Amino acid sequence: MSVTVRNGSAARLELAVVTVLARDGAGRELGRVFDTAPDLGIGLAGSVAPGKRAVAAYGFDVPPGSGSGSSVLDVEVRIGFDRPPLLWTGTAP
């Protein structure tokens, strides 16, 4: 999956404070996949200037049929510790 962070503030945003987690339909945390072939590297790194954005690819190991009968994914993106997380739910291809 692709994760985009847009900096809507007036200050530079350090991407070291961004975490991306995924869980299956049963709520189990999924392991990250790191691979250079589909460009699943370290994720978001560096910083983003005000008004700009950063995009990185993330991969997770979703066991077949995990969760409630389908490959449900719950993804959480957290920017720092003082902001609420952003949540997305969908299915893995």
Protein backbone atom coordinates (compact mmCIF):
# COMPACT_ATOMS: atom_id res chain seq x y z
CA MET A 1 0.00 0.00 0.00
CA SER A 2 1.03 3.59 -0.52
CA VAL A 3 1.01 6.00 2.42
CA THR A 4 1.03 9.75 1.80
CA VAL A 5 1.75 12.33 4.50
CA ARG A 6 0.90 15.95 3.71
CA ASN A 7 2.40 18.69 5.84
CA GLY A 8 -0.32 21.29 6.38
CA SER A 9 1.61 23.11 9.10
CA ALA A 10 4.01 26.05 8.92
CA ALA A 11 6.91 23.96 10.29
CA ARG A 12 9.02 21.16 8.83
CA LEU A 13 7.59 17.71 9.75
CA GLU A 14 10.09 15.03 10.76
CA LEU A 15 8.92 11.69 9.33
CA ALA A 16 10.71 9.70 12.05
CA VAL A 17 7.56 10.29 14.16
CA VAL A 18 5.30 8.51 11.61
CA THR A 19 4.33 4.89 12.33
CA VAL A 20 2.26 2.63 10.09
CA LEU A 21 0.69 -0.52 11.58
CA ALA A 22 -1.67 -3.12 10.13
CA ARG A 23 -3.91 -5.75 11.73
CA ASP A 24 -5.91 -8.60 10.23
CA GLY A 25 -9.66 -9.06 10.68
CA ALA A 26 -9.08 -10.83 14.02
CA GLY A 27 -7.06 -7.89 15.35
CA ARG A 28 -3.62 -9.55 15.11
CA GLU A 29 -0.78 -7.18 14.25
CA LEU A 30 0.79 -8.03 10.89
CA GLY A 31 4.52 -8.10 10.20
CA ARG A 32 6.03 -5.56 7.81
CA VAL A 33 7.55 -6.82 4.58
CA PHE A 34 10.81 -5.23 3.39
CA ASP A 35 11.77 -5.94 -0.21
CA THR A 36 13.63 -3.92 -2.83
CA ALA A 37 11.88 -5.48 -5.87
CA PRO A 38 8.46 -3.85 -5.30
CA ASP A 39 10.19 -0.93 -3.49
CA LEU A 40 9.05 -1.86 0.02
CA GLY A 41 11.98 -0.17 1.73
CA ILE A 42 12.22 1.65 5.02
CA GLY A 43 9.00 3.60 4.57
CA LEU A 44 8.74 7.33 5.21
CA ALA A 45 12.08 8.94 6.10
CA GLY A 46 13.61 12.38 6.34
CA SER A 47 11.34 15.39 6.65
CA VAL A 48 8.64 17.24 4.73
CA ALA A 49 8.62 21.00 4.15
CA PRO A 50 5.46 23.02 4.85
CA GLY A 51 2.86 22.53 2.10
CA LYS A 52 4.64 19.48 0.66
CA ARG A 53 4.03 15.73 0.87
CA ALA A 54 5.97 12.48 1.15
CA VAL A 55 4.88 9.08 -0.23
CA ALA A 56 6.22 5.62 0.63
CA ALA A 57 5.19 2.04 -0.07
CA TYR A 58 4.46 -0.35 2.80
CA GLY A 59 3.90 -4.10 2.65
CA PHE A 60 2.45 -6.41 5.30
CA ASP A 61 2.36 -10.19 5.58
CA VAL A 62 -1.35 -11.10 5.47
CA PRO A 63 -1.89 -14.84 5.95
CA PRO A 64 -4.54 -16.30 3.57
CA GLY A 65 -8.00 -16.30 5.12
CA SER A 66 -6.83 -14.43 8.21
CA GLY A 67 -9.44 -12.75 10.32
CA SER A 68 -13.13 -13.22 9.67
CA GLY A 69 -13.07 -15.30 6.50
CA SER A 70 -11.49 -12.71 4.21
CA SER A 71 -8.22 -10.84 4.16
CA VAL A 72 -9.46 -7.80 6.07
CA LEU A 73 -6.88 -5.12 6.82
CA ASP A 74 -7.08 -2.43 9.47
CA VAL A 75 -4.34 0.13 8.90
CA GLU A 76 -3.33 2.78 11.43
CA VAL A 77 -1.11 5.75 10.59
CA ARG A 78 0.11 7.75 13.55
CA ILE A 79 2.04 11.02 13.30
CA GLY A 80 3.69 11.66 16.64
CA PHE A 81 2.20 10.91 20.03
CA ASP A 82 -0.08 13.90 20.54
CA ARG A 83 -2.29 13.49 17.45
CA PRO A 84 -5.09 10.99 16.96
CA PRO A 85 -4.29 8.11 14.59
CA LEU A 86 -5.75 7.91 11.09
CA LEU A 87 -7.55 4.61 10.46
CA TRP A 88 -8.44 2.77 7.26
CA THR A 89 -10.22 -0.58 6.82
CA GLY A 90 -10.35 -2.59 3.60
CA THR A 91 -9.46 -5.93 2.08
CA ALA A 92 -6.16 -7.24 0.82
CA PRO A 93 -6.08 -8.21 -2.86
